[in-house]
Protein backbone atom coordinates (compact mmCIF):
# COMPACT_ATOMS: atom_id res chain seq x y z
CA GLY A 1 58.80 36.78 -8.63
CA GLN A 2 58.57 37.60 -12.51
CA ASP A 3 61.24 39.86 -12.50
CA PHE A 4 64.72 39.41 -12.20
CA ARG A 5 65.45 41.49 -8.99
CA GLY A 6 63.23 40.00 -7.29
CA PHE A 7 64.54 36.49 -7.69
CA VAL A 8 67.64 37.06 -6.57
CA GLU A 9 66.44 39.19 -3.56
CA ALA A 10 64.28 35.67 -2.88
CA LEU A 11 67.21 33.76 -3.37
CA PHE A 12 69.62 35.87 -1.00
CA THR A 13 66.93 35.62 1.49
CA ASP A 14 66.07 32.10 1.60
CA PRO A 15 68.49 30.14 -0.80
CA LEU A 16 66.30 26.88 -0.32
CA SER A 17 63.30 28.74 -2.15
CA LEU A 18 65.19 28.05 -5.68
CA LEU A 19 63.88 24.67 -5.65
CA LYS A 20 60.44 25.98 -5.24
CA VAL A 21 60.80 29.15 -8.20
CA MET A 22 61.96 26.20 -10.42
CA ALA A 23 59.35 23.93 -9.49
CA THR A 24 56.77 26.61 -10.16
CA THR A 25 58.18 28.28 -12.94
CA MET A 26 59.47 25.67 -15.59
CA PRO A 27 56.77 23.96 -16.31
CA TYR A 28 55.54 27.24 -18.22
CA ALA A 29 58.94 27.21 -20.16
CA THR A 30 58.92 23.27 -20.82
CA HIS A 31 55.49 23.30 -21.97
CA PHE A 32 56.31 25.88 -24.37
CA TYR A 33 59.56 24.32 -25.78
CA MET A 34 57.56 20.81 -25.96
CA ASN A 35 54.94 22.65 -28.63
CA TYR A 36 57.62 24.60 -30.05
CA LEU A 37 59.50 21.04 -31.01
CA VAL A 38 55.89 19.40 -31.82
CA LEU A 39 54.95 22.27 -34.43
CA GLN A 40 58.64 22.22 -35.95
CA TRP A 41 57.98 18.28 -36.58
CA VAL A 42 54.56 18.82 -37.84
CA THR A 43 55.57 21.71 -39.98
CA HIS A 44 58.81 19.47 -41.50
CA CYS A 45 56.43 16.63 -42.31
CA MET A 46 54.50 19.06 -44.18
CA ASN A 47 56.80 20.12 -46.34
CA LEU A 48 57.57 17.09 -47.08
CA THR A 49 54.46 15.97 -48.17
CA ARG A 50 54.61 18.45 -51.08
CA TYR A 51 50.86 19.56 -50.63
CA VAL A 52 51.15 22.79 -52.12
CA GLN A 53 52.38 20.91 -55.15
CA LEU A 54 49.82 18.23 -54.84
CA VAL A 55 47.15 20.39 -54.42
CA LYS A 56 48.12 22.63 -57.49
CA PHE A 57 48.61 19.33 -59.62
CA VAL A 58 45.07 17.98 -58.81
CA LEU A 59 43.52 21.33 -59.94
CA PHE A 60 45.76 21.83 -63.16
CA ARG A 61 44.88 18.10 -64.05
CA ARG A 62 41.66 19.06 -64.19
CA ILE A 63 42.28 21.64 -67.01
CA TYR A 64 45.62 20.48 -68.71
CA ASP A 65 46.84 16.91 -69.62
CA ASP A 66 49.01 15.06 -66.68
CA GLU A 67 52.59 16.08 -68.30
CA VAL A 68 51.38 20.14 -68.26
CA ALA A 69 49.80 19.85 -64.98
CA ARG A 70 52.98 18.31 -63.35
CA GLU A 71 55.29 21.14 -65.09
CA MET A 72 52.93 23.59 -63.90
CA ALA A 73 52.63 22.57 -60.46
CA GLU A 74 56.33 22.35 -59.43
CA PRO A 75 57.71 25.61 -58.03
CA GLU A 76 59.12 28.48 -60.19
CA ASP A 77 62.40 28.24 -58.09
CA GLN A 78 64.07 24.72 -58.81
CA ASP A 79 67.16 25.89 -56.98
CA TYR A 80 65.27 26.33 -53.60
CA TYR A 81 61.95 24.79 -53.65
CA GLY A 82 62.54 21.87 -55.89
CA MET A 83 62.62 18.29 -55.64
CA GLY A 84 65.97 17.58 -54.47
CA SER A 85 66.99 20.61 -52.49
CA ARG A 86 65.49 20.11 -49.23
CA SER A 87 68.27 17.32 -49.14
CA ALA A 88 70.86 20.05 -50.42
CA ARG A 89 70.03 22.65 -48.01
């Protein structure tokens, strides 16, 4: 069943049904965690590419020269979002 009480009752009535219950319900949990892990890797890779700073630099470079655009594209809080802060956390 979907609730704990129904699971315990089924387990006491037929102890061998535990394998069947695990085989039918475990794929839902494992697929969730597999998707969760893939999503975490994707977000870490996105953060490592610094895509936000790249887009801001490309946009600011159209208006300002390269050095000013680079300074404006960098985040304001360098201690948390700066260039070397990911390895320091």
